[in-house]
Amino acid sequence: MSKQSMREEAERMIREAMEKKSLVVKQGNTRIEAVCGKCGAPNRVQAARGETRVKFACKNCGHKQETL
């Protein structure tokens, strides 16, 4: 099976599932990978739909800051 035929098969299956209403597409929260400005530790921050800047405290040092 070639890549093109596999892609067409996947698209056909998704189309059929959406017609049956068994597949529901939802929009949810966004996860932002932020880096602490003080200690450089990586942090995962949840942001509500539509928000671009979220306030958070570093999990490593506790420094309060805002995502970019």
PDB file of N, CA and C in Angstrom:
ATOM      1  N   MET A   1       0.842  -1.187   0.000  1.00  0.00           N
ATOM      2  CA  MET A   1       0.000   0.000   0.000  1.00  0.00           C
ATOM      3  C   MET A   1       0.885   1.247   0.000  1.00  0.00           C
ATOM      4  N   SER A   2       0.629   2.151  -0.924  1.00  0.00           N
ATOM      5  CA  SER A   2       1.432   3.368  -0.990  1.00  0.00           C
ATOM      6  C   SER A   2       0.927   4.397   0.027  1.00  0.00           C
ATOM      7  N   LYS A   3       1.737   5.406   0.255  1.00  0.00           N
ATOM      8  CA  LYS A   3       1.354   6.456   1.210  1.00  0.00           C
ATOM      9  C   LYS A   3       0.101   7.184   0.752  1.00  0.00           C
ATOM     10  N   GLN A   4      -0.004   7.411  -0.547  1.00  0.00           N
ATOM     11  CA  GLN A   4      -1.174   8.118  -1.082  1.00  0.00           C
ATOM     12  C   GLN A   4      -2.445   7.315  -0.845  1.00  0.00           C
ATOM     13  N   SER A   5      -2.406   6.020  -1.087  1.00  0.00           N
ATOM     14  CA  SER A   5      -3.604   5.198  -0.888  1.00  0.00           C
ATOM     15  C   SER A   5      -3.946   5.088   0.591  1.00  0.00           C
ATOM     16  N   MET A   6      -2.935   5.036   1.470  1.00  0.00           N
ATOM     17  CA  MET A   6      -3.198   5.001   2.912  1.00  0.00           C
ATOM     18  C   MET A   6      -3.839   6.304   3.369  1.00  0.00           C
ATOM     19  N   ARG A   7      -3.369   7.441   2.826  1.00  0.00           N
ATOM     20  CA  ARG A   7      -3.922   8.750   3.170  1.00  0.00           C
ATOM     21  C   ARG A   7      -5.387   8.847   2.727  1.00  0.00           C
ATOM     22  N   GLU A   8      -5.674   8.374   1.517  1.00  0.00           N
ATOM     23  CA  GLU A   8      -7.046   8.403   1.005  1.00  0.00           C
ATOM     24  C   GLU A   8      -7.961   7.517   1.846  1.00  0.00           C
ATOM     25  N   GLU A   9      -7.464   6.357   2.261  1.00  0.00           N
ATOM     26  CA  GLU A   9      -8.245   5.450   3.103  1.00  0.00           C
ATOM     27  C   GLU A   9      -8.554   6.094   4.454  1.00  0.00           C
ATOM     28  N   ALA A  10      -7.571   6.751   5.058  1.00  0.00           N
ATOM     29  CA  ALA A  10      -7.770   7.424   6.340  1.00  0.00           C
ATOM     30  C   ALA A  10      -8.787   8.555   6.211  1.00  0.00           C
ATOM     31  N   GLU A  11      -8.693   9.344   5.148  1.00  0.00           N
ATOM     32  CA  GLU A  11      -9.645  10.438   4.937  1.00  0.00           C
ATOM     33  C   GLU A  11     -11.058   9.900   4.746  1.00  0.00           C
ATOM     34  N   ARG A  12     -11.187   8.794   4.018  1.00  0.00           N
ATOM     35  CA  ARG A  12     -12.500   8.188   3.799  1.00  0.00           C
ATOM     36  C   ARG A  12     -13.093   7.707   5.125  1.00  0.00           C
ATOM     37  N   MET A  13     -12.276   7.076   5.963  1.00  0.00           N
ATOM     38  CA  MET A  13     -12.762   6.573   7.249  1.00  0.00           C
ATOM     39  C   MET A  13     -13.193   7.720   8.162  1.00  0.00           C
ATOM     40  N   ILE A  14     -12.436   8.818   8.172  1.00  0.00           N
ATOM     41  CA  ILE A  14     -12.792   9.982   8.995  1.00  0.00           C
ATOM     42  C   ILE A  14     -14.093  10.590   8.504  1.00  0.00           C
ATOM     43  N   ARG A  15     -14.242  10.721   7.175  1.00  0.00           N
ATOM     44  CA  ARG A  15     -15.478  11.271   6.609  1.00  0.00           C
ATOM     45  C   ARG A  15     -16.685  10.426   7.004  1.00  0.00           C
ATOM     46  N   GLU A  16     -16.560   9.100   6.919  1.00  0.00           N
ATOM     47  CA  GLU A  16     -17.658   8.210   7.279  1.00  0.00           C
ATOM     48  C   GLU A  16     -17.998   8.318   8.761  1.00  0.00           C
ATOM     49  N   ALA A  17     -16.983   8.409   9.616  1.00  0.00           N
ATOM     50  CA  ALA A  17     -17.216   8.523  11.058  1.00  0.00           C
ATOM     51  C   ALA A  17     -17.921   9.831  11.395  1.00  0.00           C
ATOM     52  N   MET A  18     -17.550  10.915  10.718  1.00  0.00           N
ATOM     53  CA  MET A  18     -18.193  12.203  10.983  1.00  0.00           C
ATOM     54  C   MET A  18     -19.638  12.209  10.490  1.00  0.00           C
ATOM     55  N   GLU A  19     -19.930  11.486   9.409  1.00  0.00           N
ATOM     56  CA  GLU A  19     -21.304  11.404   8.917  1.00  0.00           C
ATOM     57  C   GLU A  19     -22.188  10.625   9.886  1.00  0.00           C
ATOM     58  N   LYS A  20     -21.615   9.626  10.564  1.00  0.00           N
ATOM     59  CA  LYS A  20     -22.374   8.819  11.530  1.00  0.00           C
ATOM     60  C   LYS A  20     -22.544   9.546  12.858  1.00  0.00           C
ATOM     61  N   LYS A  21     -21.857  10.653  13.039  1.00  0.00           N
ATOM     62  CA  LYS A  21     -21.875  11.456  14.269  1.00  0.00           C
ATOM     63  C   LYS A  21     -21.242  10.719  15.446  1.00  0.00           C
ATOM     64  N   SER A  22     -20.464   9.684  15.183  1.00  0.00           N
ATOM     65  CA  SER A  22     -19.783   8.987  16.268  1.00  0.00           C
ATOM     66  C   SER A  22     -18.471   9.679  16.636  1.00  0.00           C
ATOM     67  N   LEU A  23     -17.993  10.566  15.774  1.00  0.00           N
ATOM     68  CA  LEU A  23     -16.765  11.301  16.014  1.00  0.00           C
ATOM     69  C   LEU A  23     -17.118  12.767  16.256  1.00  0.00           C
ATOM     70  N   VAL A  24     -16.732  13.287  17.414  1.00  0.00           N
ATOM     71  CA  VAL A  24     -17.021  14.666  17.759  1.00  0.00           C
ATOM     72  C   VAL A  24     -15.698  15.407  17.914  1.00  0.00           C
ATOM     73  N   VAL A  25     -15.575  16.549  17.263  1.00  0.00           N
ATOM     74  CA  VAL A  25     -14.367  17.367  17.348  1.00  0.00           C
ATOM     75  C   VAL A  25     -14.640  18.496  18.328  1.00  0.00           C
ATOM     76  N   LYS A  26     -13.796  18.593  19.386  1.00  0.00           N
ATOM     77  CA  LYS A  26     -13.970  19.620  20.402  1.00  0.00           C
ATOM     78  C   LYS A  26     -12.718  20.475  20.477  1.00  0.00           C
ATOM     79  N   GLN A  27     -12.905  21.706  20.941  1.00  0.00           N
ATOM     80  CA  GLN A  27     -11.765  22.565  21.209  1.00  0.00           C
ATOM     81  C   GLN A  27     -11.601  22.635  22.711  1.00  0.00           C
ATOM     82  N   GLY A  28     -10.387  22.447  23.164  1.00  0.00           N
ATOM     83  CA  GLY A  28     -10.142  22.429  24.604  1.00  0.00           C
ATOM     84  C   GLY A  28      -9.055  23.413  25.001  1.00  0.00           C
ATOM     85  N   ASN A  29      -8.489  23.172  26.163  1.00  0.00           N
ATOM     86  CA  ASN A  29      -7.430  24.022  26.690  1.00  0.00           C
ATOM     87  C   ASN A  29      -6.127  23.763  25.954  1.00  0.00           C
ATOM     88  N   THR A  30      -5.242  24.739  26.004  1.00  0.00           N
ATOM     89  CA  THR A  30      -3.943  24.649  25.363  1.00  0.00           C
ATOM     90  C   THR A  30      -2.881  24.442  26.429  1.00  0.00           C
ATOM     91  N   ARG A  31      -1.894  23.630  26.125  1.00  0.00           N
ATOM     92  CA  ARG A  31      -0.779  23.429  27.042  1.00  0.00           C
ATOM     93  C   ARG A  31       0.415  24.184  26.485  1.00  0.00           C
ATOM     94  N   ILE A  32       0.990  25.072  27.307  1.00  0.00           N
ATOM     95  CA  ILE A  32       2.134  25.894  26.892  1.00  0.00           C
ATOM     96  C   ILE A  32       3.372  25.395  27.627  1.00  0.00           C
ATOM     97  N   GLU A  33       4.447  25.179  26.883  1.00  0.00           N
ATOM     98  CA  GLU A  33       5.734  24.811  27.470  1.00  0.00           C
ATOM     99  C   GLU A  33       6.477  26.116  27.746  1.00  0.00           C
ATOM    100  N   ALA A  34       6.564  26.513  29.008  1.00  0.00           N
ATOM    101  CA  ALA A  34       7.204  27.765  29.381  1.00  0.00           C
ATOM    102  C   ALA A  34       8.517  27.478  30.100  1.00  0.00           C
ATOM    103  N   VAL A  35       9.469  28.397  29.986  1.00  0.00           N
ATOM    104  CA  VAL A  35      10.758  28.279  30.665  1.00  0.00           C
ATOM    105  C   VAL A  35      10.831  29.407  31.692  1.00  0.00           C
ATOM    106  N   CYS A  36      11.243  29.057  32.902  1.00  0.00           N
ATOM    107  CA  CYS A  36      11.351  30.043  33.977  1.00  0.00           C
ATOM    108  C   CYS A  36      12.408  31.080  33.622  1.00  0.00           C
ATOM    109  N   GLY A  37      12.076  32.349  33.837  1.00  0.00           N
ATOM    110  CA  GLY A  37      13.013  33.427  33.549  1.00  0.00           C
ATOM    111  C   GLY A  37      14.096  33.557  34.600  1.00  0.00           C
ATOM    112  N   LYS A  38      13.893  32.954  35.769  1.00  0.00           N
ATOM    113  CA  LYS A  38      14.867  33.070  36.849  1.00  0.00           C
ATOM    114  C   LYS A  38      15.840  31.883  36.872  1.00  0.00           C
ATOM    115  N   CYS A  39      15.290  30.652  36.910  1.00  0.00           N
ATOM    116  CA  CYS A  39      16.169  29.477  37.039  1.00  0.00           C
ATOM    117  C   CYS A  39      16.303  28.672  35.752  1.00  0.00           C
ATOM    118  N   GLY A  40      15.440  28.920  34.742  1.00  0.00           N
ATOM    119  CA  GLY A  40      15.535  28.215  33.462  1.00  0.00           C
ATOM    120  C   GLY A  40      14.869  26.851  33.434  1.00  0.00           C
ATOM    121  N   ALA A  41      14.120  26.505  34.454  1.00  0.00           N
ATOM    122  CA  ALA A  41      13.455  25.204  34.510  1.00  0.00           C
ATOM    123  C   ALA A  41      12.253  25.176  33.567  1.00  0.00           C
ATOM    124  N   PRO A  42      11.995  24.034  32.913  1.00  0.00           N
ATOM    125  CA  PRO A  42      10.816  23.926  32.046  1.00  0.00           C
ATOM    126  C   PRO A  42       9.549  23.768  32.872  1.00  0.00           C
ATOM    127  N   ASN A  43       8.455  24.387  32.442  1.00  0.00           N
ATOM    128  CA  ASN A  43       7.163  24.310  33.114  1.00  0.00           C
ATOM    129  C   ASN A  43       6.078  24.086  32.078  1.00  0.00           C
ATOM    130  N   ARG A  44       5.063  23.283  32.426  1.00  0.00           N
ATOM    131  CA  ARG A  44       3.885  23.105  31.570  1.00  0.00           C
ATOM    132  C   ARG A  44       2.745  23.893  32.185  1.00  0.00           C
ATOM    133  N   VAL A  45       2.146  24.762  31.388  1.00  0.00           N
ATOM    134  CA  VAL A  45       1.080  25.636  31.866  1.00  0.00           C
ATOM    135  C   VAL A  45      -0.158  25.417  31.013  1.00  0.00           C
ATOM    136  N   GLN A  46      -1.334  25.283  31.653  1.00  0.00           N
ATOM    137  CA  GLN A  46      -2.601  25.157  30.945  1.00  0.00           C
ATOM    138  C   GLN A  46      -3.159  26.553  30.688  1.00  0.00           C
ATOM    139  N   ALA A  47      -3.602  26.789  29.465  1.00  0.00           N
ATOM    140  CA  ALA A  47      -4.204  28.069  29.098  1.00  0.00           C
ATOM    141  C   ALA A  47      -5.596  27.806  28.528  1.00  0.00           C
ATOM    142  N   ALA A  48      -6.554  28.577  28.947  1.00  0.00           N
ATOM    143  CA  ALA A  48      -7.913  28.442  28.428  1.00  0.00           C
ATOM    144  C   ALA A  48      -7.937  28.838  26.962  1.00  0.00           C
ATOM    145  N   ARG A  49      -8.943  28.357  26.261  1.00  0.00           N
ATOM    146  CA  ARG A  49      -9.057  28.654  24.839  1.00  0.00           C
ATOM    147  C   ARG A  49      -9.138  30.154  24.621  1.00  0.00           C
ATOM    148  N   GLY A  50      -8.310  30.672  23.723  1.00  0.00           N
ATOM    149  CA  GLY A  50      -8.311  32.093  23.401  1.00  0.00           C
ATOM    150  C   GLY A  50      -7.306  32.911  24.191  1.00  0.00           C
ATOM    151  N   GLU A  51      -6.764  32.388  25.283  1.00  0.00           N
ATOM    152  CA  GLU A  51      -5.784  33.125  26.071  1.00  0.00           C
ATOM    153  C   GLU A  51      -4.393  32.915  25.504  1.00  0.00           C
ATOM    154  N   THR A  52      -3.601  33.996  25.464  1.00  0.00           N
ATOM    155  CA  THR A  52      -2.236  33.872  24.966  1.00  0.00           C
ATOM    156  C   THR A  52      -1.216  34.045  26.081  1.00  0.00           C
ATOM    157  N   ARG A  53      -1.549  34.822  27.100  1.00  0.00           N
ATOM    158  CA  ARG A  53      -0.628  35.040  28.221  1.00  0.00           C
ATOM    159  C   ARG A  53      -1.280  34.536  29.494  1.00  0.00           C
ATOM    160  N   VAL A  54      -0.559  33.678  30.236  1.00  0.00           N
ATOM    161  CA  VAL A  54      -1.087  33.071  31.453  1.00  0.00           C
ATOM    162  C   VAL A  54      -0.093  33.282  32.581  1.00  0.00           C
ATOM    163  N   LYS A  55      -0.588  33.671  33.753  1.00  0.00           N
ATOM    164  CA  LYS A  55       0.267  33.827  34.924  1.00  0.00           C
ATOM    165  C   LYS A  55       0.503  32.448  35.533  1.00  0.00           C
ATOM    166  N   PHE A  56       1.763  32.211  35.966  1.00  0.00           N
ATOM    167  CA  PHE A  56       2.092  30.940  36.612  1.00  0.00           C
ATOM    168  C   PHE A  56       3.269  31.141  37.552  1.00  0.00           C
ATOM    169  N   ALA A  57       3.455  30.172  38.458  1.00  0.00           N
ATOM    170  CA  ALA A  57       4.604  30.162  39.355  1.00  0.00           C
ATOM    171  C   ALA A  57       5.481  28.979  38.970  1.00  0.00           C
ATOM    172  N   CYS A  58       6.783  29.177  38.944  1.00  0.00           N
ATOM    173  CA  CYS A  58       7.718  28.123  38.574  1.00  0.00           C
ATOM    174  C   CYS A  58       7.602  26.968  39.561  1.00  0.00           C
ATOM    175  N   LYS A  59       7.584  25.750  39.041  1.00  0.00           N
ATOM    176  CA  LYS A  59       7.479  24.577  39.898  1.00  0.00           C
ATOM    177  C   LYS A  59       8.785  24.293  40.633  1.00  0.00           C
ATOM    178  N   ASN A  60       9.874  24.848  40.111  1.00  0.00           N
ATOM    179  CA  ASN A  60      11.180  24.595  40.708  1.00  0.00           C
ATOM    180  C   ASN A  60      11.539  25.619  41.799  1.00  0.00           C
ATOM    181  N   CYS A  61      11.447  26.899  41.454  1.00  0.00           N
ATOM    182  CA  CYS A  61      11.880  27.945  42.391  1.00  0.00           C
ATOM    183  C   CYS A  61      10.738  28.789  42.951  1.00  0.00           C
ATOM    184  N   GLY A  62       9.525  28.677  42.378  1.00  0.00           N
ATOM    185  CA  GLY A  62       8.377  29.420  42.885  1.00  0.00           C
ATOM    186  C   GLY A  62       8.263  30.845  42.369  1.00  0.00           C
ATOM    187  N   HIS A  63       9.121  31.252  41.441  1.00  0.00           N
ATOM    188  CA  HIS A  63       9.109  32.612  40.883  1.00  0.00           C
ATOM    189  C   HIS A  63       7.814  32.839  40.102  1.00  0.00           C
ATOM    190  N   LYS A  64       7.068  33.911  40.444  1.00  0.00           N
ATOM    191  CA  LYS A  64       5.807  34.216  39.765  1.00  0.00           C
ATOM    192  C   LYS A  64       6.094  35.024  38.513  1.00  0.00           C
ATOM    193  N   GLN A  65       5.458  34.583  37.388  1.00  0.00           N
ATOM    194  CA  GLN A  65       5.715  35.221  36.107  1.00  0.00           C
ATOM    195  C   GLN A  65       4.544  34.987  35.158  1.00  0.00           C
ATOM    196  N   GLU A  66       4.693  35.439  33.926  1.00  0.00           N
ATOM    197  CA  GLU A  66       3.636  35.331  32.922  1.00  0.00           C
ATOM    198  C   GLU A  66       4.240  34.759  31.639  1.00  0.00           C
ATOM    199  N   THR A  67       3.495  33.888  30.964  1.00  0.00           N
ATOM    200  CA  THR A  67       4.002  33.286  29.721  1.00  0.00           C
ATOM    201  C   THR A  67       4.047  34.321  28.612  1.00  0.00           C
ATOM    202  N   LEU A  68       4.836  34.044  27.597  1.00  0.00           N
ATOM    203  CA  LEU A  68       4.937  34.926  26.434  1.00  0.00           C
ATOM    204  C   LEU A  68       4.086  34.402  25.317  1.00  0.00           C
TER     205      LEU A  68
END
